[in-house]
Amino acid sequence: MTTGAPTPTAHRRSRPRSLLPLAIAAWLVLEIWLLMIVGRAAGGLTVLLLLVGGAVLGAAVMKRAGRRAFTALTEALQSHSPSQAPAAAPQAGGSPGNGFLMLAGLLLMLPGLISDAAGLLLLIPPLRKGLSRRVRRAAVPGAFGDAYQQARIHRPDGKVVPGEVIRDTPPPDGGEDTPRPPLTQ
């Protein structure tokens, strides 16, 4: 037993992150309770029809939002020449609130009446646009792009140096070291 060795410190979870499993469990219990209440009042067939109808409507909404996002991405890629930098291209899913449309479809597809109500609220265009504006104002510019670049490169400065590997020794399999064409951009 060594007394001088430092003990690893445990990372503390943030408060919202530690309460997330409890919130999800409470939401699931509330959804089940509400389905039971509606089932007693209107019957099991009504509950089944509500759940199937929500899933079908959610799938249709997600299909429409996916088509809009794909169309916007295709138009953005076709309108820019290959010589332009990718950072100058507009964001995919060009129409405002398209992400919220997909979220609405997902909420409608989830079984439950509360998630269906939230999904139906997100289908209202003024509410969707207002949420989209609020999220854009709250977002830090470039946060996702910068995080992606840092994770991809694993360098704090983010620099990429194009180069070529030159081996002084033959490969370990004993085969000839055939030259490869240089990488092009």
N, C-alpha and C. Protein backbone atom coordinates (compact mmCIF):
# COMPACT_ATOMS: atom_id res chain seq x y z
N MET A 1 0.84 -1.17 0.00
CA MET A 1 0.00 0.00 0.00
C MET A 1 0.88 1.23 0.00
N THR A 2 0.71 2.06 -1.01
CA THR A 2 1.48 3.29 -1.07
C THR A 2 0.60 4.44 -0.65
N THR A 3 1.17 5.30 0.14
CA THR A 3 0.38 6.43 0.63
C THR A 3 0.62 7.68 -0.20
N GLY A 4 1.70 7.74 -0.95
CA GLY A 4 2.02 8.95 -1.70
C GLY A 4 1.38 9.02 -3.07
N ALA A 5 0.76 7.92 -3.55
CA ALA A 5 0.19 7.93 -4.89
C ALA A 5 -1.11 8.72 -4.89
N PRO A 6 -1.27 9.61 -5.88
CA PRO A 6 -2.52 10.37 -5.93
C PRO A 6 -3.67 9.49 -6.39
N THR A 7 -4.82 9.73 -5.81
CA THR A 7 -6.01 8.97 -6.20
C THR A 7 -6.69 9.69 -7.35
N PRO A 8 -7.18 8.94 -8.31
CA PRO A 8 -7.87 9.60 -9.43
C PRO A 8 -9.14 10.28 -8.94
N THR A 9 -9.37 11.46 -9.44
CA THR A 9 -10.57 12.19 -9.02
C THR A 9 -11.74 11.77 -9.90
N ALA A 10 -12.86 11.57 -9.28
CA ALA A 10 -14.06 11.19 -10.00
C ALA A 10 -14.69 12.45 -10.60
N HIS A 11 -15.14 12.33 -11.83
CA HIS A 11 -15.81 13.45 -12.47
C HIS A 11 -17.24 13.54 -11.95
N ARG A 12 -17.61 14.73 -11.51
CA ARG A 12 -18.98 14.95 -11.05
C ARG A 12 -19.86 15.29 -12.24
N ARG A 13 -21.03 14.70 -12.25
CA ARG A 13 -22.00 15.02 -13.29
C ARG A 13 -22.64 16.36 -13.00
N SER A 14 -23.01 17.04 -14.05
CA SER A 14 -23.74 18.29 -13.85
C SER A 14 -25.15 17.96 -13.35
N ARG A 15 -25.77 18.93 -12.73
CA ARG A 15 -27.09 18.70 -12.15
C ARG A 15 -28.13 18.28 -13.20
N PRO A 16 -28.24 18.97 -14.34
CA PRO A 16 -29.23 18.51 -15.32
C PRO A 16 -28.94 17.11 -15.84
N ARG A 17 -27.67 16.79 -15.99
CA ARG A 17 -27.32 15.47 -16.51
C ARG A 17 -27.64 14.37 -15.50
N SER A 18 -27.53 14.66 -14.23
CA SER A 18 -27.84 13.64 -13.23
C SER A 18 -29.35 13.49 -13.04
N LEU A 19 -30.13 14.53 -13.36
CA LEU A 19 -31.58 14.45 -13.22
C LEU A 19 -32.27 13.94 -14.49
N LEU A 20 -31.54 13.83 -15.58
CA LEU A 20 -32.14 13.39 -16.84
C LEU A 20 -32.78 12.00 -16.76
N PRO A 21 -32.12 10.99 -16.18
CA PRO A 21 -32.79 9.68 -16.09
C PRO A 21 -34.08 9.73 -15.26
N LEU A 22 -34.09 10.53 -14.20
CA LEU A 22 -35.30 10.67 -13.39
C LEU A 22 -36.42 11.35 -14.18
N ALA A 23 -36.06 12.37 -14.97
CA ALA A 23 -37.06 13.06 -15.78
C ALA A 23 -37.63 12.14 -16.84
N ILE A 24 -36.80 11.32 -17.47
CA ILE A 24 -37.27 10.38 -18.48
C ILE A 24 -38.20 9.34 -17.86
N ALA A 25 -37.83 8.84 -16.68
CA ALA A 25 -38.68 7.86 -15.99
C ALA A 25 -40.02 8.49 -15.61
N ALA A 26 -40.02 9.71 -15.12
CA ALA A 26 -41.27 10.39 -14.77
C ALA A 26 -42.13 10.61 -16.01
N TRP A 27 -41.50 10.99 -17.13
CA TRP A 27 -42.25 11.19 -18.37
C TRP A 27 -42.90 9.88 -18.83
N LEU A 28 -42.15 8.76 -18.76
CA LEU A 28 -42.71 7.47 -19.17
C LEU A 28 -43.88 7.06 -18.28
N VAL A 29 -43.74 7.26 -16.97
CA VAL A 29 -44.83 6.91 -16.05
C VAL A 29 -46.05 7.77 -16.34
N LEU A 30 -45.85 9.06 -16.61
CA LEU A 30 -46.95 9.96 -16.92
C LEU A 30 -47.64 9.56 -18.23
N GLU A 31 -46.85 9.18 -19.24
CA GLU A 31 -47.43 8.72 -20.52
C GLU A 31 -48.29 7.47 -20.31
N ILE A 32 -47.79 6.51 -19.56
CA ILE A 32 -48.54 5.27 -19.32
C ILE A 32 -49.81 5.56 -18.53
N TRP A 33 -49.69 6.41 -17.51
CA TRP A 33 -50.85 6.76 -16.70
C TRP A 33 -51.93 7.43 -17.56
N LEU A 34 -51.51 8.36 -18.43
CA LEU A 34 -52.46 9.06 -19.28
C LEU A 34 -53.11 8.11 -20.28
N LEU A 35 -52.35 7.17 -20.83
CA LEU A 35 -52.93 6.17 -21.73
C LEU A 35 -53.95 5.30 -21.01
N MET A 36 -53.68 4.98 -19.76
CA MET A 36 -54.64 4.18 -18.98
C MET A 36 -55.92 4.97 -18.71
N ILE A 37 -55.78 6.25 -18.41
CA ILE A 37 -56.95 7.10 -18.16
C ILE A 37 -57.82 7.19 -19.43
N VAL A 38 -57.18 7.44 -20.57
CA VAL A 38 -57.92 7.53 -21.84
C VAL A 38 -58.52 6.17 -22.19
N GLY A 39 -57.80 5.10 -21.91
CA GLY A 39 -58.30 3.76 -22.19
C GLY A 39 -59.54 3.43 -21.38
N ARG A 40 -59.57 3.85 -20.12
CA ARG A 40 -60.76 3.61 -19.29
C ARG A 40 -61.94 4.45 -19.77
N ALA A 41 -61.66 5.68 -20.19
CA ALA A 41 -62.75 6.58 -20.59
C ALA A 41 -63.27 6.27 -21.99
N ALA A 42 -62.38 5.99 -22.93
CA ALA A 42 -62.81 5.85 -24.31
C ALA A 42 -62.68 4.43 -24.85
N GLY A 43 -61.96 3.59 -24.18
CA GLY A 43 -61.80 2.22 -24.64
C GLY A 43 -60.43 1.95 -25.23
N GLY A 44 -60.06 0.70 -25.21
CA GLY A 44 -58.74 0.29 -25.68
C GLY A 44 -58.54 0.47 -27.16
N LEU A 45 -59.61 0.29 -27.94
CA LEU A 45 -59.50 0.45 -29.38
C LEU A 45 -59.20 1.90 -29.74
N THR A 46 -59.77 2.83 -29.01
CA THR A 46 -59.51 4.25 -29.25
C THR A 46 -58.05 4.59 -28.98
N VAL A 47 -57.52 4.04 -27.89
CA VAL A 47 -56.11 4.27 -27.56
C VAL A 47 -55.22 3.69 -28.65
N LEU A 48 -55.55 2.50 -29.10
CA LEU A 48 -54.76 1.87 -30.16
C LEU A 48 -54.81 2.70 -31.45
N LEU A 49 -56.00 3.20 -31.80
CA LEU A 49 -56.13 4.02 -33.00
C LEU A 49 -55.37 5.34 -32.85
N LEU A 50 -55.37 5.94 -31.66
CA LEU A 50 -54.61 7.16 -31.42
C LEU A 50 -53.11 6.91 -31.59
N LEU A 51 -52.62 5.80 -31.06
CA LEU A 51 -51.19 5.50 -31.16
C LEU A 51 -50.78 5.20 -32.60
N VAL A 52 -51.60 4.43 -33.31
CA VAL A 52 -51.28 4.11 -34.71
C VAL A 52 -51.37 5.36 -35.57
N GLY A 53 -52.42 6.17 -35.35
CA GLY A 53 -52.56 7.41 -36.10
C GLY A 53 -51.40 8.36 -35.87
N GLY A 54 -50.93 8.46 -34.62
CA GLY A 54 -49.77 9.30 -34.32
C GLY A 54 -48.52 8.80 -35.02
N ALA A 55 -48.34 7.48 -35.06
CA ALA A 55 -47.16 6.92 -35.72
C ALA A 55 -47.20 7.17 -37.22
N VAL A 56 -48.38 7.02 -37.83
CA VAL A 56 -48.51 7.24 -39.28
C VAL A 56 -48.29 8.73 -39.60
N LEU A 57 -48.92 9.61 -38.82
CA LEU A 57 -48.74 11.04 -39.04
C LEU A 57 -47.28 11.45 -38.83
N GLY A 58 -46.65 10.91 -37.81
CA GLY A 58 -45.23 11.21 -37.55
C GLY A 58 -44.33 10.75 -38.68
N ALA A 59 -44.62 9.57 -39.23
CA ALA A 59 -43.82 9.08 -40.35
C ALA A 59 -43.99 9.98 -41.57
N ALA A 60 -45.21 10.45 -41.81
CA ALA A 60 -45.45 11.34 -42.95
C ALA A 60 -44.74 12.68 -42.76
N VAL A 61 -44.75 13.21 -41.54
CA VAL A 61 -44.09 14.48 -41.26
C VAL A 61 -42.58 14.33 -41.42
N MET A 62 -42.03 13.24 -40.91
CA MET A 62 -40.59 13.03 -41.03
C MET A 62 -40.18 12.82 -42.49
N LYS A 63 -41.01 12.16 -43.26
CA LYS A 63 -40.71 11.95 -44.68
C LYS A 63 -40.69 13.29 -45.41
N ARG A 64 -41.65 14.15 -45.11
CA ARG A 64 -41.72 15.47 -45.74
C ARG A 64 -40.53 16.33 -45.34
N ALA A 65 -40.20 16.32 -44.05
CA ALA A 65 -39.06 17.12 -43.57
C ALA A 65 -37.75 16.59 -44.15
N GLY A 66 -37.63 15.29 -44.26
CA GLY A 66 -36.42 14.71 -44.85
C GLY A 66 -36.27 15.08 -46.31
N ARG A 67 -37.38 15.08 -47.04
CA ARG A 67 -37.33 15.49 -48.45
C ARG A 67 -36.94 16.95 -48.58
N ARG A 68 -37.50 17.81 -47.71
CA ARG A 68 -37.15 19.23 -47.75
C ARG A 68 -35.67 19.43 -47.45
N ALA A 69 -35.16 18.70 -46.47
CA ALA A 69 -33.74 18.84 -46.13
C ALA A 69 -32.86 18.35 -47.26
N PHE A 70 -33.22 17.24 -47.89
CA PHE A 70 -32.43 16.70 -48.98
C PHE A 70 -32.47 17.64 -50.19
N THR A 71 -33.64 18.21 -50.47
CA THR A 71 -33.76 19.16 -51.58
C THR A 71 -32.91 20.39 -51.33
N ALA A 72 -32.96 20.91 -50.10
CA ALA A 72 -32.17 22.10 -49.77
C ALA A 72 -30.68 21.80 -49.87
N LEU A 73 -30.26 20.62 -49.42
CA LEU A 73 -28.86 20.25 -49.51
C LEU A 73 -28.42 20.10 -50.96
N THR A 74 -29.24 19.48 -51.78
CA THR A 74 -28.92 19.32 -53.20
C THR A 74 -28.80 20.67 -53.89
N GLU A 75 -29.73 21.58 -53.61
CA GLU A 75 -29.68 22.91 -54.21
C GLU A 75 -28.44 23.67 -53.75
N ALA A 76 -28.08 23.53 -52.48
CA ALA A 76 -26.90 24.22 -51.96
C ALA A 76 -25.63 23.68 -52.61
N LEU A 77 -25.56 22.39 -52.82
CA LEU A 77 -24.37 21.80 -53.43
C LEU A 77 -24.28 22.14 -54.91
N GLN A 78 -25.42 22.22 -55.59
CA GLN A 78 -25.41 22.53 -57.01
C GLN A 78 -25.15 24.01 -57.29
N SER A 79 -25.51 24.87 -56.36
CA SER A 79 -25.36 26.31 -56.60
C SER A 79 -23.94 26.80 -56.33
N HIS A 80 -23.11 26.01 -55.70
CA HIS A 80 -21.73 26.42 -55.41
C HIS A 80 -20.76 25.65 -56.29
N SER A 81 -19.79 26.37 -56.80
CA SER A 81 -18.78 25.72 -57.63
C SER A 81 -17.81 24.96 -56.73
N PRO A 82 -17.13 23.93 -57.26
CA PRO A 82 -16.21 23.15 -56.44
C PRO A 82 -15.00 23.94 -55.96
N SER A 83 -14.71 25.08 -56.60
CA SER A 83 -13.53 25.83 -56.19
C SER A 83 -13.77 26.64 -54.92
N GLN A 84 -15.04 26.83 -54.52
CA GLN A 84 -15.31 27.58 -53.32
C GLN A 84 -15.07 26.73 -52.09
N ALA A 85 -14.73 27.39 -51.01
CA ALA A 85 -14.48 26.68 -49.76
C ALA A 85 -15.79 26.15 -49.20
N PRO A 86 -15.76 24.97 -48.56
CA PRO A 86 -16.99 24.43 -48.01
C PRO A 86 -17.56 25.29 -46.89
N ALA A 87 -16.74 26.09 -46.23
CA ALA A 87 -17.24 26.91 -45.14
C ALA A 87 -18.17 28.00 -45.66
N ALA A 88 -18.05 28.35 -46.95
CA ALA A 88 -18.90 29.39 -47.51
C ALA A 88 -20.27 28.87 -47.90
N ALA A 89 -20.46 27.54 -47.90
CA ALA A 89 -21.74 26.96 -48.29
C ALA A 89 -22.76 27.17 -47.18
N PRO A 90 -24.03 27.37 -47.54
CA PRO A 90 -25.05 27.53 -46.52
C PRO A 90 -25.28 26.22 -45.78
N GLN A 91 -25.92 26.34 -44.65
CA GLN A 91 -26.18 25.16 -43.84
C GLN A 91 -27.20 24.27 -44.53
N ALA A 92 -27.05 22.96 -44.31
CA ALA A 92 -28.00 22.01 -44.88
C ALA A 92 -29.35 22.16 -44.19
N GLY A 93 -30.39 21.84 -44.92
CA GLY A 93 -31.72 21.96 -44.36
C GLY A 93 -32.20 23.38 -44.39
N GLY A 94 -31.82 24.12 -45.44
CA GLY A 94 -31.98 25.55 -45.59
C GLY A 94 -33.24 26.17 -45.03
N SER A 95 -34.38 25.51 -45.03
CA SER A 95 -35.59 26.16 -44.55
C SER A 95 -35.58 26.24 -43.04
N PRO A 96 -36.06 27.37 -42.49
CA PRO A 96 -36.04 27.52 -41.04
C PRO A 96 -37.01 26.55 -40.38
N GLY A 97 -36.60 25.97 -39.29
CA GLY A 97 -37.48 25.08 -38.55
C GLY A 97 -37.57 23.68 -39.09
N ASN A 98 -36.73 23.30 -40.06
CA ASN A 98 -36.80 21.96 -40.61
C ASN A 98 -36.42 20.92 -39.57
N GLY A 99 -35.46 21.26 -38.72
CA GLY A 99 -35.10 20.36 -37.63
C GLY A 99 -36.25 20.16 -36.66
N PHE A 100 -37.01 21.23 -36.43
CA PHE A 100 -38.17 21.10 -35.56
C PHE A 100 -39.27 20.28 -36.21
N LEU A 101 -39.36 20.31 -37.53
CA LEU A 101 -40.32 19.44 -38.21
C LEU A 101 -39.95 17.97 -38.00
N MET A 102 -38.67 17.67 -38.10
CA MET A 102 -38.23 16.30 -37.86
C MET A 102 -38.47 15.89 -36.41
N LEU A 103 -38.23 16.82 -35.49
CA LEU A 103 -38.50 16.54 -34.08
C LEU A 103 -39.98 16.31 -33.86
N ALA A 104 -40.83 17.09 -34.54
CA ALA A 104 -42.28 16.90 -34.42
C ALA A 104 -42.67 15.51 -34.91
N GLY A 105 -42.09 15.08 -36.03
CA GLY A 105 -42.38 13.74 -36.54
C GLY A 105 -41.93 12.66 -35.58
N LEU A 106 -40.77 12.85 -34.99
CA LEU A 106 -40.28 11.86 -34.03
C LEU A 106 -41.18 11.80 -32.80
N LEU A 107 -41.59 12.96 -32.30
CA LEU A 107 -42.47 12.98 -31.13
C LEU A 107 -43.82 12.34 -31.45
N LEU A 108 -44.31 12.55 -32.66
CA LEU A 108 -45.58 11.92 -33.04
C LEU A 108 -45.44 10.41 -33.17
N MET A 109 -44.28 9.95 -33.58
CA MET A 109 -44.08 8.51 -33.76
C MET A 109 -43.90 7.79 -32.42
N LEU A 110 -43.43 8.50 -31.40
CA LEU A 110 -43.28 7.88 -30.09
C LEU A 110 -44.66 7.56 -29.52
N PRO A 111 -44.82 6.39 -28.91
CA PRO A 111 -46.13 6.08 -28.34
C PRO A 111 -46.38 6.92 -27.08
N GLY A 112 -47.50 7.58 -27.05
CA GLY A 112 -47.86 8.38 -25.89
C GLY A 112 -48.59 9.63 -26.31
N LEU A 113 -49.43 10.12 -25.43
CA LEU A 113 -50.26 11.27 -25.76
C LEU A 113 -49.56 12.59 -25.50
N ILE A 114 -48.69 12.65 -24.53
CA ILE A 114 -47.96 13.89 -24.24
C ILE A 114 -46.98 14.18 -25.37
N SER A 115 -46.27 13.16 -25.81
CA SER A 115 -45.34 13.36 -26.93
C SER A 115 -46.10 13.71 -28.21
N ASP A 116 -47.29 13.14 -28.39
CA ASP A 116 -48.11 13.49 -29.55
C ASP A 116 -48.54 14.95 -29.49
N ALA A 117 -48.93 15.41 -28.31
CA ALA A 117 -49.34 16.81 -28.16
C ALA A 117 -48.17 17.75 -28.43
N ALA A 118 -46.99 17.40 -27.94
CA ALA A 118 -45.81 18.23 -28.20
C ALA A 118 -45.47 18.23 -29.68
N GLY A 119 -45.59 17.09 -30.34
CA GLY A 119 -45.34 17.00 -31.77
C GLY A 119 -46.34 17.81 -32.57
N LEU A 120 -47.61 17.77 -32.17
CA LEU A 120 -48.62 18.56 -32.87
C LEU A 120 -48.38 20.06 -32.68
N LEU A 121 -47.91 20.46 -31.49
CA LEU A 121 -47.59 21.87 -31.26
C LEU A 121 -46.45 22.33 -32.18
N LEU A 122 -45.47 21.45 -32.39
CA LEU A 122 -44.35 21.81 -33.27
C LEU A 122 -44.75 21.87 -34.74
N LEU A 123 -45.92 21.37 -35.09
CA LEU A 123 -46.38 21.46 -36.47
C LEU A 123 -46.97 22.84 -36.78
N ILE A 124 -47.22 23.66 -35.76
CA ILE A 124 -47.77 25.00 -35.97
C ILE A 124 -46.64 25.90 -36.45
N PRO A 125 -46.73 26.43 -37.69
CA PRO A 125 -45.61 27.21 -38.27
C PRO A 125 -45.15 28.41 -37.44
N PRO A 126 -46.03 29.26 -36.89
CA PRO A 126 -45.50 30.39 -36.11
C PRO A 126 -44.72 29.95 -34.87
N LEU A 127 -45.20 28.90 -34.22
CA LEU A 127 -44.49 28.40 -33.04
C LEU A 127 -43.13 27.82 -33.44
N ARG A 128 -43.11 27.09 -34.55
CA ARG A 128 -41.86 26.50 -35.03
C ARG A 128 -40.85 27.57 -35.41
N LYS A 129 -41.30 28.63 -36.09
CA LYS A 129 -40.39 29.72 -36.47
C LYS A 129 -39.87 30.47 -35.25
N GLY A 130 -40.75 30.69 -34.28
CA GLY A 130 -40.32 31.36 -33.05
C GLY A 130 -39.28 30.55 -32.30
N LEU A 131 -39.49 29.25 -32.19
CA LEU A 131 -38.51 28.39 -31.54
C LEU A 131 -37.19 28.37 -32.30
N SER A 132 -37.29 28.36 -33.63
CA SER A 132 -36.09 28.35 -34.45
C SER A 132 -35.27 29.62 -34.23
N ARG A 133 -35.95 30.77 -34.19
CA ARG A 133 -35.26 32.04 -33.95
C ARG A 133 -34.61 32.05 -32.57
N ARG A 134 -35.33 31.54 -31.59
CA ARG A 134 -34.81 31.53 -30.22
C ARG A 134 -33.58 30.62 -30.10
N VAL A 135 -33.62 29.48 -30.77
CA VAL A 135 -32.48 28.56 -30.72
C VAL A 135 -31.28 29.17 -31.43
N ARG A 136 -31.51 29.84 -32.56
CA ARG A 136 -30.40 30.47 -33.28
C ARG A 136 -29.74 31.56 -32.45
N ARG A 137 -30.55 32.34 -31.73
CA ARG A 137 -29.99 33.40 -30.89
C ARG A 137 -29.18 32.81 -29.74
N ALA A 138 -29.63 31.69 -29.19
CA ALA A 138 -28.95 31.10 -28.04
C ALA A 138 -27.71 30.31 -28.44
N ALA A 139 -27.64 29.89 -29.70
CA ALA A 139 -26.52 29.05 -30.14
C ALA A 139 -25.25 29.89 -30.28
N VAL A 140 -24.14 29.28 -29.90
CA VAL A 140 -22.84 29.90 -30.08
C VAL A 140 -22.43 29.70 -31.53
N PRO A 141 -22.06 30.76 -32.25
CA PRO A 141 -21.72 30.59 -33.67
C PRO A 141 -20.53 29.66 -33.85
N GLY A 142 -20.71 28.68 -34.71
CA GLY A 142 -19.62 27.78 -35.06
C GLY A 142 -19.30 26.73 -34.02
N ALA A 143 -20.12 26.58 -32.99
CA ALA A 143 -19.79 25.65 -31.92
C ALA A 143 -19.73 24.21 -32.42
N PHE A 144 -20.72 23.80 -33.22
CA PHE A 144 -20.74 22.42 -33.69
C PHE A 144 -19.64 22.18 -34.72
N GLY A 145 -19.43 23.13 -35.61
CA GLY A 145 -18.39 22.98 -36.61
C GLY A 145 -17.01 22.92 -35.98
N ASP A 146 -16.76 23.79 -35.00
CA ASP A 146 -15.47 23.78 -34.33
C ASP A 146 -15.26 22.49 -33.56
N ALA A 147 -16.30 22.00 -32.90
CA ALA A 147 -16.17 20.74 -32.15
C ALA A 147 -15.88 19.59 -33.10
N TYR A 148 -16.53 19.58 -34.25
CA TYR A 148 -16.28 18.52 -35.23
C TYR A 148 -14.85 18.58 -35.73
N GLN A 149 -14.36 19.78 -36.04
CA GLN A 149 -12.99 19.91 -36.53
C GLN A 149 -12.00 19.45 -35.47
N GLN A 150 -12.21 19.85 -34.22
CA GLN A 150 -11.28 19.47 -33.16
C GLN A 150 -11.30 17.96 -32.94
N ALA A 151 -12.47 17.35 -33.00
CA ALA A 151 -12.54 15.90 -32.81
C ALA A 151 -11.91 15.16 -33.97
N ARG A 152 -12.03 15.72 -35.17
CA ARG A 152 -11.50 15.06 -36.35
C ARG A 152 -9.98 15.17 -36.42
N ILE A 153 -9.44 16.29 -36.07
CA ILE A 153 -8.02 16.53 -36.24
C ILE A 153 -7.21 16.11 -35.01
N HIS A 154 -7.78 16.22 -33.84
CA HIS A 154 -7.10 15.91 -32.59
C HIS A 154 -5.91 16.84 -32.33
N ARG A 155 -5.98 18.03 -32.84
CA ARG A 155 -4.93 19.02 -32.62
C ARG A 155 -5.59 20.27 -32.08
N PRO A 156 -5.06 20.87 -31.03
CA PRO A 156 -5.71 22.06 -30.48
C PRO A 156 -5.68 23.25 -31.43
N ASP A 157 -4.64 23.36 -32.26
CA ASP A 157 -4.59 24.51 -33.16
C ASP A 157 -5.39 24.29 -34.44
N GLY A 158 -5.77 23.03 -34.73
CA GLY A 158 -6.60 22.74 -35.88
C GLY A 158 -5.89 22.77 -37.21
N LYS A 159 -4.56 22.85 -37.21
CA LYS A 159 -3.82 22.92 -38.47
C LYS A 159 -3.67 21.53 -39.09
N VAL A 160 -3.82 21.49 -40.39
CA VAL A 160 -3.59 20.26 -41.14
C VAL A 160 -2.45 20.54 -42.10
N VAL A 161 -1.42 19.72 -42.02
CA VAL A 161 -0.26 19.90 -42.88
C VAL A 161 -0.26 18.78 -43.91
N PRO A 162 -0.46 19.12 -45.21
CA PRO A 162 -0.41 18.07 -46.22
C PRO A 162 1.02 17.56 -46.35
N GLY A 163 1.15 16.28 -46.47
CA GLY A 163 2.50 15.72 -46.58
C GLY A 163 2.48 14.34 -47.17
N GLU A 164 3.66 13.73 -47.15
CA GLU A 164 3.83 12.41 -47.72
C GLU A 164 4.73 11.62 -46.78
N VAL A 165 4.41 10.35 -46.59
CA VAL A 165 5.22 9.49 -45.73
C VAL A 165 6.28 8.81 -46.60
N ILE A 166 7.54 8.97 -46.20
CA ILE A 166 8.63 8.33 -46.92
C ILE A 166 9.27 7.34 -45.96
N ARG A 167 9.28 6.06 -46.37
CA ARG A 167 9.83 5.02 -45.52
C ARG A 167 11.27 4.76 -45.92
N ASP A 168 12.14 4.66 -44.91
CA ASP A 168 13.53 4.30 -45.15
C ASP A 168 13.72 2.79 -45.17
N THR A 169 12.84 2.07 -44.51
CA THR A 169 12.95 0.62 -44.43
C THR A 169 11.81 -0.01 -45.21
N PRO A 170 12.01 -1.24 -45.74
CA PRO A 170 10.93 -1.91 -46.48
C PRO A 170 9.81 -2.29 -45.51
N PRO A 171 8.61 -2.48 -46.05
CA PRO A 171 7.49 -2.86 -45.18
C PRO A 171 7.75 -4.22 -44.54
N PRO A 172 7.13 -4.47 -43.38
CA PRO A 172 7.41 -5.71 -42.64
C PRO A 172 6.97 -6.98 -43.35
N ASP A 173 6.06 -6.91 -44.32
CA ASP A 173 5.61 -8.13 -44.99
C ASP A 173 6.60 -8.61 -46.05
N GLY A 174 7.66 -7.86 -46.28
CA GLY A 174 8.69 -8.27 -47.21
C GLY A 174 8.38 -7.92 -48.65
N GLY A 175 7.22 -7.37 -48.94
CA GLY A 175 6.84 -7.01 -50.30
C GLY A 175 7.52 -5.72 -50.73
N GLU A 176 7.43 -5.46 -52.01
CA GLU A 176 8.01 -4.23 -52.55
C GLU A 176 7.17 -3.05 -52.11
N ASP A 177 7.83 -1.97 -51.82
CA ASP A 177 7.14 -0.74 -51.44
C ASP A 177 6.81 0.01 -52.73
N THR A 178 5.59 -0.22 -53.22
CA THR A 178 5.18 0.41 -54.47
C THR A 178 4.75 1.85 -54.18
N PRO A 179 5.21 2.78 -55.03
CA PRO A 179 4.81 4.17 -54.79
C PRO A 179 3.34 4.37 -55.10
N ARG A 180 2.72 5.20 -54.32
CA ARG A 180 1.30 5.51 -54.50
C ARG A 180 1.17 6.91 -55.08
N PRO A 181 0.14 7.14 -55.83
CA PRO A 181 -0.05 8.49 -56.35
C PRO A 181 -0.33 9.46 -55.21
N PRO A 182 0.07 10.71 -55.36
CA PRO A 182 -0.18 11.67 -54.28
C PRO A 182 -1.67 11.95 -54.13
N LEU A 183 -2.05 12.33 -52.92
CA LEU A 183 -3.44 12.66 -52.65
C LEU A 183 -3.75 14.00 -53.31
N THR A 184 -4.92 14.08 -53.90
CA THR A 184 -5.33 15.33 -54.53
C THR A 184 -6.48 15.93 -53.74
N GLN A 185 -6.64 17.22 -53.90
CA GLN A 185 -7.71 17.88 -53.15
C GLN A 185 -8.89 18.12 -54.02
